[in-house]
N, C-alpha and C. Protein backbone atom coordinates (compact mmCIF):
# COMPACT_ATOMS: atom_id res chain seq x y z
N MET A 1 -21.92 8.33 -18.48
CA MET A 1 -23.01 7.40 -18.30
C MET A 1 -22.83 6.70 -16.95
N VAL A 2 -23.92 6.56 -16.21
CA VAL A 2 -23.91 5.86 -14.93
C VAL A 2 -24.80 4.64 -15.06
N SER A 3 -24.27 3.49 -14.66
CA SER A 3 -25.05 2.25 -14.68
C SER A 3 -25.61 1.96 -13.30
N LEU A 4 -26.89 1.58 -13.25
CA LEU A 4 -27.53 1.16 -12.01
C LEU A 4 -27.49 -0.36 -11.99
N VAL A 5 -26.98 -0.92 -10.89
CA VAL A 5 -26.74 -2.36 -10.82
C VAL A 5 -27.50 -2.97 -9.66
N ASP A 6 -28.16 -4.10 -9.90
CA ASP A 6 -28.76 -4.90 -8.85
C ASP A 6 -27.66 -5.87 -8.39
N PRO A 7 -27.08 -5.66 -7.18
CA PRO A 7 -25.95 -6.49 -6.77
C PRO A 7 -26.33 -7.94 -6.47
N VAL A 8 -27.59 -8.20 -6.14
CA VAL A 8 -28.02 -9.57 -5.87
C VAL A 8 -28.16 -10.35 -7.18
N ALA A 9 -28.86 -9.75 -8.13
CA ALA A 9 -29.07 -10.40 -9.42
C ALA A 9 -27.86 -10.25 -10.35
N ARG A 10 -26.95 -9.34 -9.97
CA ARG A 10 -25.76 -9.06 -10.78
C ARG A 10 -26.13 -8.64 -12.21
N THR A 11 -27.10 -7.73 -12.27
CA THR A 11 -27.54 -7.23 -13.58
C THR A 11 -27.64 -5.71 -13.56
N VAL A 12 -27.48 -5.13 -14.72
CA VAL A 12 -27.68 -3.69 -14.88
C VAL A 12 -29.17 -3.45 -15.02
N THR A 13 -29.71 -2.60 -14.14
CA THR A 13 -31.15 -2.34 -14.14
C THR A 13 -31.52 -1.04 -14.84
N GLY A 14 -30.52 -0.24 -15.16
CA GLY A 14 -30.79 1.02 -15.85
C GLY A 14 -29.52 1.82 -16.01
N THR A 15 -29.63 2.91 -16.76
CA THR A 15 -28.51 3.83 -16.93
C THR A 15 -29.02 5.26 -16.83
N ILE A 16 -28.14 6.13 -16.43
CA ILE A 16 -28.44 7.56 -16.34
C ILE A 16 -27.38 8.28 -17.17
N ALA A 17 -27.82 9.07 -18.13
CA ALA A 17 -26.90 9.75 -19.05
C ALA A 17 -26.47 11.10 -18.47
N LEU A 18 -25.39 11.08 -17.67
CA LEU A 18 -24.81 12.32 -17.18
C LEU A 18 -23.75 12.79 -18.17
N LYS A 19 -23.32 14.03 -18.01
CA LYS A 19 -22.32 14.62 -18.91
C LYS A 19 -20.98 13.90 -18.76
N PRO A 20 -20.14 13.88 -19.80
CA PRO A 20 -18.80 13.29 -19.70
C PRO A 20 -17.93 14.07 -18.71
N GLY A 21 -16.90 13.42 -18.19
CA GLY A 21 -15.96 14.06 -17.26
C GLY A 21 -16.20 13.65 -15.82
N LEU A 22 -16.90 12.53 -15.62
CA LEU A 22 -17.30 12.13 -14.27
C LEU A 22 -16.12 11.61 -13.46
N GLU A 23 -16.14 11.92 -12.19
CA GLU A 23 -15.11 11.48 -11.24
C GLU A 23 -15.81 10.72 -10.12
N ALA A 24 -15.53 11.08 -8.88
CA ALA A 24 -16.08 10.37 -7.72
C ALA A 24 -17.58 10.63 -7.58
N ALA A 25 -18.26 9.64 -6.98
CA ALA A 25 -19.71 9.74 -6.78
C ALA A 25 -20.06 9.38 -5.34
N THR A 26 -21.19 9.86 -4.90
CA THR A 26 -21.78 9.50 -3.61
C THR A 26 -23.28 9.71 -3.76
N ASP A 27 -24.02 9.48 -2.69
CA ASP A 27 -25.46 9.73 -2.74
C ASP A 27 -25.96 10.11 -1.36
N ASP A 28 -27.16 10.66 -1.34
CA ASP A 28 -27.79 11.01 -0.07
C ASP A 28 -28.95 10.07 0.23
N GLY A 29 -29.01 8.96 -0.47
CA GLY A 29 -30.10 8.00 -0.31
C GLY A 29 -31.09 8.10 -1.45
N ASP A 30 -31.38 9.29 -1.91
CA ASP A 30 -32.32 9.52 -3.01
C ASP A 30 -31.66 10.11 -4.25
N THR A 31 -30.63 10.92 -4.02
CA THR A 31 -29.99 11.64 -5.11
C THR A 31 -28.56 11.18 -5.30
N LEU A 32 -28.21 10.88 -6.53
CA LEU A 32 -26.83 10.57 -6.89
C LEU A 32 -26.10 11.89 -7.10
N LEU A 33 -24.90 11.99 -6.56
CA LEU A 33 -24.06 13.17 -6.69
C LEU A 33 -22.75 12.71 -7.33
N VAL A 34 -22.31 13.39 -8.40
CA VAL A 34 -21.09 12.99 -9.08
C VAL A 34 -20.30 14.24 -9.46
N ASN A 35 -19.03 14.29 -9.04
CA ASN A 35 -18.16 15.38 -9.48
C ASN A 35 -17.91 15.26 -10.97
N ASN A 36 -17.98 16.40 -11.66
CA ASN A 36 -17.61 16.45 -13.07
C ASN A 36 -16.31 17.26 -13.15
N GLU A 37 -15.21 16.54 -13.33
CA GLU A 37 -13.88 17.14 -13.32
C GLU A 37 -13.66 18.09 -14.49
N ASP A 38 -14.26 17.78 -15.64
CA ASP A 38 -14.06 18.61 -16.83
C ASP A 38 -14.88 19.90 -16.80
N ARG A 39 -16.06 19.85 -16.20
CA ARG A 39 -16.96 21.01 -16.21
C ARG A 39 -16.97 21.79 -14.89
N ASN A 40 -16.24 21.29 -13.89
CA ASN A 40 -16.18 21.95 -12.57
C ASN A 40 -17.59 22.15 -12.01
N GLU A 41 -18.33 21.04 -11.98
CA GLU A 41 -19.68 21.08 -11.41
C GLU A 41 -20.00 19.75 -10.77
N LEU A 42 -21.07 19.76 -10.00
CA LEU A 42 -21.57 18.56 -9.34
C LEU A 42 -22.83 18.13 -10.08
N GLU A 43 -22.78 16.96 -10.73
CA GLU A 43 -23.94 16.43 -11.45
C GLU A 43 -24.85 15.74 -10.44
N THR A 44 -26.16 15.78 -10.69
CA THR A 44 -27.11 15.10 -9.81
C THR A 44 -28.09 14.28 -10.65
N ALA A 45 -28.65 13.25 -10.01
CA ALA A 45 -29.68 12.43 -10.64
C ALA A 45 -30.55 11.83 -9.56
N ASP A 46 -31.84 11.69 -9.85
CA ASP A 46 -32.79 11.07 -8.94
C ASP A 46 -32.64 9.55 -9.06
N LEU A 47 -32.25 8.88 -7.99
CA LEU A 47 -32.02 7.44 -8.03
C LEU A 47 -33.31 6.63 -8.15
N ARG A 48 -34.43 7.19 -7.71
CA ARG A 48 -35.70 6.47 -7.82
C ARG A 48 -36.25 6.46 -9.24
N THR A 49 -36.10 7.60 -9.93
CA THR A 49 -36.66 7.72 -11.28
C THR A 49 -35.61 7.52 -12.37
N GLY A 50 -34.34 7.67 -12.01
CA GLY A 50 -33.28 7.58 -13.00
C GLY A 50 -33.14 8.83 -13.85
N ARG A 51 -33.80 9.90 -13.45
CA ARG A 51 -33.76 11.14 -14.23
C ARG A 51 -32.63 12.06 -13.76
N VAL A 52 -32.03 12.72 -14.73
CA VAL A 52 -30.96 13.67 -14.46
C VAL A 52 -31.55 14.88 -13.74
N GLY A 53 -30.83 15.34 -12.71
CA GLY A 53 -31.25 16.52 -11.97
C GLY A 53 -30.39 17.71 -12.35
N PRO A 54 -30.56 18.82 -11.62
CA PRO A 54 -29.79 20.02 -11.94
C PRO A 54 -28.32 19.85 -11.56
N ALA A 55 -27.45 20.40 -12.39
CA ALA A 55 -26.02 20.45 -12.07
C ALA A 55 -25.78 21.65 -11.16
N VAL A 56 -24.83 21.49 -10.24
CA VAL A 56 -24.46 22.58 -9.33
C VAL A 56 -23.10 23.10 -9.77
N PRO A 57 -23.02 24.35 -10.28
CA PRO A 57 -21.72 24.91 -10.65
C PRO A 57 -20.83 25.04 -9.42
N LEU A 58 -19.60 24.57 -9.53
CA LEU A 58 -18.64 24.68 -8.43
C LEU A 58 -17.67 25.82 -8.74
N THR A 59 -18.20 27.02 -8.80
CA THR A 59 -17.43 28.21 -9.13
C THR A 59 -16.26 28.37 -8.15
N GLY A 60 -15.06 28.44 -8.70
CA GLY A 60 -13.87 28.57 -7.86
C GLY A 60 -13.22 27.24 -7.54
N CYS A 61 -13.85 26.15 -7.94
CA CYS A 61 -13.31 24.79 -7.74
C CYS A 61 -12.90 24.27 -9.11
N GLU A 62 -11.61 24.04 -9.29
CA GLU A 62 -11.12 23.51 -10.57
C GLU A 62 -10.75 22.05 -10.41
N GLY A 63 -11.26 21.21 -11.30
CA GLY A 63 -10.93 19.80 -11.30
C GLY A 63 -11.38 19.05 -10.06
N PRO A 64 -12.69 19.06 -9.73
CA PRO A 64 -13.14 18.34 -8.54
C PRO A 64 -12.96 16.83 -8.71
N THR A 65 -12.34 16.21 -7.72
CA THR A 65 -12.11 14.76 -7.77
C THR A 65 -12.87 14.07 -6.64
N GLY A 66 -12.27 14.01 -5.46
CA GLY A 66 -12.90 13.34 -4.32
C GLY A 66 -14.20 14.00 -3.91
N LEU A 67 -15.12 13.17 -3.39
CA LEU A 67 -16.45 13.65 -3.02
C LEU A 67 -17.01 12.81 -1.89
N ALA A 68 -17.64 13.46 -0.93
CA ALA A 68 -18.32 12.75 0.16
C ALA A 68 -19.57 13.53 0.55
N PHE A 69 -20.50 12.84 1.20
CA PHE A 69 -21.76 13.44 1.65
C PHE A 69 -21.85 13.32 3.15
N ASP A 70 -22.23 14.42 3.80
CA ASP A 70 -22.48 14.43 5.25
C ASP A 70 -23.97 14.35 5.48
N PRO A 71 -24.48 13.21 5.96
CA PRO A 71 -25.93 13.05 6.11
C PRO A 71 -26.55 13.93 7.20
N ILE A 72 -25.75 14.43 8.11
CA ILE A 72 -26.30 15.27 9.18
C ILE A 72 -26.58 16.69 8.67
N SER A 73 -25.60 17.31 8.01
CA SER A 73 -25.79 18.67 7.51
C SER A 73 -26.43 18.71 6.13
N LYS A 74 -26.52 17.53 5.47
CA LYS A 74 -27.04 17.43 4.10
C LYS A 74 -26.18 18.23 3.13
N ARG A 75 -24.85 18.16 3.36
CA ARG A 75 -23.91 18.87 2.51
C ARG A 75 -22.95 17.88 1.86
N ALA A 76 -22.52 18.21 0.66
CA ALA A 76 -21.48 17.44 -0.02
C ALA A 76 -20.20 18.24 0.04
N ILE A 77 -19.07 17.53 0.07
CA ILE A 77 -17.75 18.15 0.08
C ILE A 77 -16.98 17.61 -1.11
N SER A 78 -16.55 18.50 -1.99
CA SER A 78 -15.75 18.14 -3.16
C SER A 78 -14.33 18.62 -2.97
N ALA A 79 -13.36 17.75 -3.25
CA ALA A 79 -11.94 18.12 -3.21
C ALA A 79 -11.55 18.62 -4.59
N CYS A 80 -10.94 19.79 -4.65
CA CYS A 80 -10.62 20.43 -5.93
C CYS A 80 -9.12 20.49 -6.15
N ALA A 81 -8.71 20.36 -7.41
CA ALA A 81 -7.29 20.35 -7.76
C ALA A 81 -6.60 21.68 -7.49
N ASN A 82 -7.35 22.76 -7.36
CA ASN A 82 -6.75 24.08 -7.14
C ASN A 82 -6.69 24.45 -5.66
N HIS A 83 -6.48 23.45 -4.80
CA HIS A 83 -6.27 23.67 -3.35
C HIS A 83 -7.53 24.18 -2.65
N LYS A 84 -8.68 23.76 -3.11
CA LYS A 84 -9.95 24.18 -2.50
C LYS A 84 -10.81 22.96 -2.18
N ALA A 85 -11.69 23.11 -1.21
CA ALA A 85 -12.76 22.16 -0.95
C ALA A 85 -14.05 22.93 -1.12
N ALA A 86 -14.94 22.40 -1.96
CA ALA A 86 -16.22 23.05 -2.23
C ALA A 86 -17.28 22.42 -1.33
N ILE A 87 -18.03 23.25 -0.61
CA ILE A 87 -19.10 22.79 0.26
C ILE A 87 -20.42 23.11 -0.44
N VAL A 88 -21.24 22.06 -0.64
CA VAL A 88 -22.48 22.20 -1.41
C VAL A 88 -23.69 21.85 -0.55
N ASP A 89 -24.68 22.73 -0.55
CA ASP A 89 -25.98 22.47 0.06
C ASP A 89 -26.75 21.61 -0.94
N VAL A 90 -26.87 20.32 -0.63
CA VAL A 90 -27.46 19.38 -1.58
C VAL A 90 -28.96 19.62 -1.75
N ARG A 91 -29.67 19.94 -0.67
CA ARG A 91 -31.12 20.16 -0.76
C ARG A 91 -31.47 21.30 -1.69
N ASN A 92 -30.67 22.37 -1.64
CA ASN A 92 -30.96 23.57 -2.44
C ASN A 92 -30.10 23.68 -3.69
N HIS A 93 -29.29 22.67 -3.96
CA HIS A 93 -28.45 22.63 -5.16
C HIS A 93 -27.63 23.91 -5.33
N ARG A 94 -26.85 24.25 -4.29
CA ARG A 94 -26.04 25.46 -4.42
C ARG A 94 -24.73 25.33 -3.66
N LEU A 95 -23.71 25.94 -4.22
CA LEU A 95 -22.40 26.04 -3.59
C LEU A 95 -22.52 27.04 -2.46
N ILE A 96 -22.08 26.65 -1.25
CA ILE A 96 -22.18 27.60 -0.13
C ILE A 96 -20.83 28.11 0.34
N GLY A 97 -19.74 27.50 -0.15
CA GLY A 97 -18.44 28.02 0.25
C GLY A 97 -17.28 27.22 -0.28
N LEU A 98 -16.11 27.85 -0.26
CA LEU A 98 -14.85 27.21 -0.63
C LEU A 98 -13.89 27.36 0.53
N LEU A 99 -13.15 26.28 0.82
CA LEU A 99 -12.17 26.29 1.90
C LEU A 99 -10.81 25.95 1.32
N ASP A 100 -9.75 26.51 1.89
CA ASP A 100 -8.39 26.23 1.45
C ASP A 100 -7.92 24.89 2.00
N ILE A 101 -7.39 24.04 1.09
CA ILE A 101 -6.82 22.76 1.48
C ILE A 101 -5.44 22.63 0.84
N GLY A 102 -4.81 21.47 1.01
CA GLY A 102 -3.50 21.24 0.44
C GLY A 102 -3.54 20.94 -1.05
N ALA A 103 -2.38 20.57 -1.60
CA ALA A 103 -2.24 20.29 -3.03
C ALA A 103 -2.31 18.80 -3.30
N GLY A 104 -3.01 18.44 -4.38
CA GLY A 104 -3.06 17.05 -4.82
C GLY A 104 -4.07 16.17 -4.11
N PRO A 105 -5.30 16.65 -3.86
CA PRO A 105 -6.30 15.80 -3.22
C PRO A 105 -6.90 14.81 -4.22
N ASP A 106 -7.39 13.69 -3.71
CA ASP A 106 -8.04 12.73 -4.61
C ASP A 106 -9.23 12.03 -3.95
N THR A 107 -9.46 12.28 -2.68
CA THR A 107 -10.61 11.66 -2.01
C THR A 107 -11.07 12.55 -0.86
N VAL A 108 -12.29 12.32 -0.41
CA VAL A 108 -12.84 12.99 0.76
C VAL A 108 -13.49 11.91 1.62
N LEU A 109 -13.22 11.96 2.91
CA LEU A 109 -13.84 11.05 3.88
C LEU A 109 -14.65 11.88 4.86
N VAL A 110 -15.82 11.40 5.25
CA VAL A 110 -16.60 12.07 6.29
C VAL A 110 -16.65 11.15 7.50
N ASP A 111 -16.15 11.67 8.62
CA ASP A 111 -16.21 10.96 9.90
C ASP A 111 -17.42 11.53 10.63
N ILE A 112 -18.54 10.83 10.52
CA ILE A 112 -19.80 11.33 11.08
C ILE A 112 -19.72 11.47 12.59
N ARG A 113 -19.12 10.49 13.25
CA ARG A 113 -19.05 10.49 14.72
C ARG A 113 -18.27 11.69 15.24
N ARG A 114 -17.18 12.05 14.57
CA ARG A 114 -16.33 13.13 15.05
C ARG A 114 -16.63 14.46 14.35
N ARG A 115 -17.58 14.47 13.42
CA ARG A 115 -18.06 15.66 12.71
C ARG A 115 -16.95 16.40 11.97
N VAL A 116 -16.15 15.62 11.22
CA VAL A 116 -15.11 16.21 10.39
C VAL A 116 -15.10 15.55 9.01
N ALA A 117 -14.63 16.30 8.04
CA ALA A 117 -14.30 15.76 6.72
C ALA A 117 -12.78 15.74 6.65
N LEU A 118 -12.24 14.70 6.03
CA LEU A 118 -10.80 14.53 5.94
C LEU A 118 -10.42 14.45 4.46
N ILE A 119 -9.45 15.28 4.06
CA ILE A 119 -9.04 15.33 2.66
C ILE A 119 -7.53 15.15 2.59
N PRO A 120 -7.08 13.94 2.19
CA PRO A 120 -5.64 13.74 2.02
C PRO A 120 -5.15 14.43 0.75
N CYS A 121 -4.05 15.16 0.89
CA CYS A 121 -3.50 15.94 -0.22
C CYS A 121 -2.07 15.46 -0.48
N GLY A 122 -1.94 14.60 -1.49
CA GLY A 122 -0.70 13.88 -1.71
C GLY A 122 0.45 14.67 -2.29
N ARG A 123 0.17 15.77 -2.95
CA ARG A 123 1.28 16.52 -3.53
C ARG A 123 2.11 17.20 -2.44
N ASP A 124 1.44 17.72 -1.42
CA ASP A 124 2.21 18.37 -0.36
C ASP A 124 2.28 17.54 0.93
N GLY A 125 1.67 16.34 0.94
CA GLY A 125 1.79 15.47 2.10
C GLY A 125 1.09 15.99 3.33
N THR A 126 -0.18 16.38 3.17
CA THR A 126 -0.97 16.84 4.31
C THR A 126 -2.36 16.20 4.28
N LEU A 127 -3.01 16.23 5.40
CA LEU A 127 -4.40 15.81 5.52
C LEU A 127 -5.16 17.01 6.05
N SER A 128 -6.06 17.57 5.24
CA SER A 128 -6.87 18.72 5.67
C SER A 128 -8.04 18.20 6.49
N VAL A 129 -8.26 18.81 7.64
CA VAL A 129 -9.35 18.43 8.55
C VAL A 129 -10.35 19.57 8.56
N ILE A 130 -11.58 19.27 8.11
CA ILE A 130 -12.63 20.28 8.02
C ILE A 130 -13.70 19.98 9.07
N ALA A 131 -13.95 20.95 9.95
CA ALA A 131 -15.02 20.81 10.95
C ALA A 131 -16.35 20.98 10.25
N LEU A 132 -17.28 20.04 10.51
CA LEU A 132 -18.57 20.04 9.82
C LEU A 132 -19.69 20.55 10.73
N GLY A 133 -19.61 21.76 11.14
CA GLY A 133 -20.67 22.35 11.95
C GLY A 133 -21.55 23.23 11.10
N THR A 134 -22.22 24.17 11.75
CA THR A 134 -23.05 25.12 11.04
C THR A 134 -22.24 25.92 10.04
N ASN A 135 -21.02 26.28 10.43
CA ASN A 135 -20.10 27.02 9.56
C ASN A 135 -18.86 26.16 9.33
N PRO A 136 -18.86 25.34 8.27
CA PRO A 136 -17.69 24.49 8.03
C PRO A 136 -16.43 25.34 7.89
N HIS A 137 -15.34 24.83 8.47
CA HIS A 137 -14.06 25.53 8.40
C HIS A 137 -12.92 24.53 8.54
N VAL A 138 -11.75 24.94 8.06
CA VAL A 138 -10.57 24.09 8.19
C VAL A 138 -10.12 24.16 9.65
N ALA A 139 -10.16 23.00 10.31
CA ALA A 139 -9.79 22.93 11.72
C ALA A 139 -8.31 22.64 11.90
N GLY A 140 -7.65 22.15 10.83
CA GLY A 140 -6.22 21.88 10.94
C GLY A 140 -5.68 21.13 9.74
N GLN A 141 -4.38 21.02 9.73
CA GLN A 141 -3.64 20.25 8.71
C GLN A 141 -2.74 19.28 9.47
N VAL A 142 -2.77 18.02 9.06
CA VAL A 142 -1.92 17.01 9.66
C VAL A 142 -0.87 16.61 8.64
N ARG A 143 0.38 16.54 9.04
CA ARG A 143 1.47 16.14 8.14
C ARG A 143 1.35 14.65 7.88
N THR A 144 1.41 14.26 6.59
CA THR A 144 1.37 12.84 6.21
C THR A 144 2.65 12.57 5.41
N GLU A 145 2.53 12.14 4.17
CA GLU A 145 3.68 11.96 3.28
C GLU A 145 3.26 12.31 1.86
N ALA A 146 4.21 12.78 1.07
CA ALA A 146 3.93 13.01 -0.34
C ALA A 146 3.46 11.70 -0.96
N GLY A 147 2.45 11.76 -1.79
CA GLY A 147 1.89 10.58 -2.43
C GLY A 147 0.66 10.02 -1.74
N ALA A 148 0.44 10.38 -0.48
CA ALA A 148 -0.73 9.88 0.26
C ALA A 148 -1.94 10.75 -0.08
N ARG A 149 -2.68 10.32 -1.12
CA ARG A 149 -3.80 11.13 -1.61
C ARG A 149 -5.12 10.40 -1.61
N THR A 150 -5.11 9.11 -1.33
CA THR A 150 -6.35 8.36 -1.15
C THR A 150 -6.33 7.77 0.25
N ALA A 151 -7.49 7.34 0.75
CA ALA A 151 -7.55 6.88 2.13
C ALA A 151 -8.81 6.07 2.38
N ALA A 152 -8.80 5.39 3.50
CA ALA A 152 -9.98 4.69 4.00
C ALA A 152 -10.13 5.06 5.46
N LEU A 153 -11.38 5.07 5.93
CA LEU A 153 -11.69 5.46 7.30
C LEU A 153 -12.35 4.31 8.03
N ASP A 154 -11.89 4.04 9.25
CA ASP A 154 -12.58 3.12 10.15
C ASP A 154 -13.54 3.99 10.96
N PRO A 155 -14.85 3.93 10.69
CA PRO A 155 -15.78 4.84 11.36
C PRO A 155 -15.87 4.63 12.87
N GLY A 156 -15.57 3.43 13.35
CA GLY A 156 -15.62 3.18 14.78
C GLY A 156 -14.48 3.86 15.53
N SER A 157 -13.26 3.59 15.12
CA SER A 157 -12.09 4.13 15.81
C SER A 157 -11.70 5.52 15.32
N GLY A 158 -12.13 5.88 14.12
CA GLY A 158 -11.72 7.15 13.53
C GLY A 158 -10.35 7.09 12.89
N LYS A 159 -9.73 5.90 12.86
CA LYS A 159 -8.42 5.78 12.23
C LYS A 159 -8.55 5.94 10.72
N VAL A 160 -7.53 6.61 10.14
CA VAL A 160 -7.47 6.84 8.71
C VAL A 160 -6.27 6.07 8.18
N TYR A 161 -6.48 5.32 7.09
CA TYR A 161 -5.44 4.52 6.46
C TYR A 161 -5.11 5.13 5.11
N LEU A 162 -3.84 5.54 4.94
CA LEU A 162 -3.40 6.23 3.73
C LEU A 162 -2.30 5.41 3.03
N PRO A 163 -2.62 4.79 1.89
CA PRO A 163 -1.58 4.07 1.15
C PRO A 163 -0.64 5.04 0.44
N THR A 164 0.64 4.72 0.45
CA THR A 164 1.62 5.55 -0.25
C THR A 164 2.89 4.73 -0.46
N ALA A 165 3.88 5.38 -1.01
CA ALA A 165 5.20 4.77 -1.23
C ALA A 165 6.23 5.88 -1.23
N ASP A 166 7.49 5.52 -1.09
CA ASP A 166 8.55 6.51 -1.25
C ASP A 166 8.56 6.89 -2.73
N LEU A 167 8.71 8.17 -3.00
CA LEU A 167 8.62 8.65 -4.38
C LEU A 167 10.00 8.98 -4.94
N LEU A 168 10.20 8.60 -6.19
CA LEU A 168 11.42 8.94 -6.91
C LEU A 168 11.21 10.28 -7.60
N PRO A 169 12.29 11.04 -7.81
CA PRO A 169 12.13 12.32 -8.52
C PRO A 169 11.57 12.06 -9.93
N PRO A 170 10.72 12.97 -10.43
CA PRO A 170 10.17 12.80 -11.78
C PRO A 170 11.28 12.72 -12.84
N ALA A 171 11.07 11.89 -13.85
CA ALA A 171 12.04 11.73 -14.93
C ALA A 171 12.17 13.00 -15.76
N THR A 172 11.06 13.72 -15.92
CA THR A 172 11.08 14.99 -16.65
C THR A 172 10.37 16.05 -15.82
N PRO A 173 10.78 17.30 -15.95
CA PRO A 173 10.13 18.36 -15.19
C PRO A 173 8.62 18.39 -15.43
N GLY A 174 7.85 18.51 -14.36
CA GLY A 174 6.40 18.58 -14.45
C GLY A 174 5.71 17.23 -14.47
N ALA A 175 6.46 16.15 -14.62
CA ALA A 175 5.87 14.80 -14.63
C ALA A 175 5.56 14.37 -13.20
N ARG A 176 4.71 13.39 -13.08
CA ARG A 176 4.34 12.86 -11.78
C ARG A 176 5.47 11.97 -11.25
N ALA A 177 5.78 12.11 -9.96
CA ALA A 177 6.79 11.26 -9.33
C ALA A 177 6.31 9.81 -9.33
N GLN A 178 7.23 8.90 -9.49
CA GLN A 178 6.90 7.47 -9.53
C GLN A 178 7.29 6.82 -8.19
N PRO A 179 6.55 5.78 -7.78
CA PRO A 179 6.90 5.11 -6.53
C PRO A 179 8.18 4.29 -6.66
N LYS A 180 8.96 4.30 -5.59
CA LYS A 180 10.18 3.48 -5.53
C LYS A 180 9.74 2.03 -5.34
N PRO A 181 10.21 1.13 -6.19
CA PRO A 181 9.83 -0.28 -6.06
C PRO A 181 10.10 -0.82 -4.64
N GLY A 182 9.13 -1.56 -4.13
CA GLY A 182 9.27 -2.18 -2.81
C GLY A 182 9.06 -1.26 -1.62
N SER A 183 8.63 -0.01 -1.86
CA SER A 183 8.50 0.93 -0.75
C SER A 183 7.06 1.18 -0.31
N PHE A 184 6.10 0.44 -0.87
CA PHE A 184 4.70 0.64 -0.51
C PHE A 184 4.51 0.46 1.00
N HIS A 185 3.70 1.34 1.57
CA HIS A 185 3.35 1.24 2.99
C HIS A 185 2.04 1.98 3.23
N ILE A 186 1.46 1.75 4.39
CA ILE A 186 0.20 2.40 4.75
C ILE A 186 0.42 3.21 6.02
N LEU A 187 0.15 4.50 5.93
CA LEU A 187 0.19 5.35 7.12
C LEU A 187 -1.13 5.16 7.87
N VAL A 188 -1.06 5.13 9.18
CA VAL A 188 -2.25 5.00 10.00
C VAL A 188 -2.27 6.21 10.94
N LEU A 189 -3.35 6.99 10.82
CA LEU A 189 -3.53 8.15 11.68
C LEU A 189 -4.72 7.91 12.59
N ALA A 190 -4.59 8.27 13.85
CA ALA A 190 -5.68 8.12 14.82
C ALA A 190 -6.10 9.49 15.33
N PRO A 191 -7.39 9.69 15.58
CA PRO A 191 -7.84 10.98 16.10
C PRO A 191 -7.31 11.19 17.52
N ARG A 192 -7.24 12.46 17.90
CA ARG A 192 -6.79 12.78 19.25
C ARG A 192 -7.88 12.56 20.24
């Protein structure tokens, strides 16, 4: 369920009944786009009418989490748990490609000025850089730190801020590593 909120009046003005399993959301001004982690698809809804739109199957993308929209190309980029980034043509509601990224992504940032999407991948400590041209492609990988999987972008400077901490070995095999107390820090990356 998605709630529509009037931030001035601080009231809920409506709801949109999307399928369960929702993760990150974005919009293109008219259409709400929401990753569905359980169904491996991109849910859509018309923000003017509040009506559910067609879902876009993200074939080959498992567990989509992070999501961003590029207003210039009219494409959405979903970060997938299986080391993929799904590129979606929002106007035509179709998956147009999958790109290889690192392990453990949780967010996607679009730097409109520099025409790149940035996907921090915390499991392997990399930042995947995707060129957003006619043919999106991985332009590079930047070394970060394990655990740095979310981020914020300063659109003016292009600096990326990645919160993380030193990680302790997992208590049991397969468990998630825990942060070492007192080791929180923010990595700051600047474009070249």
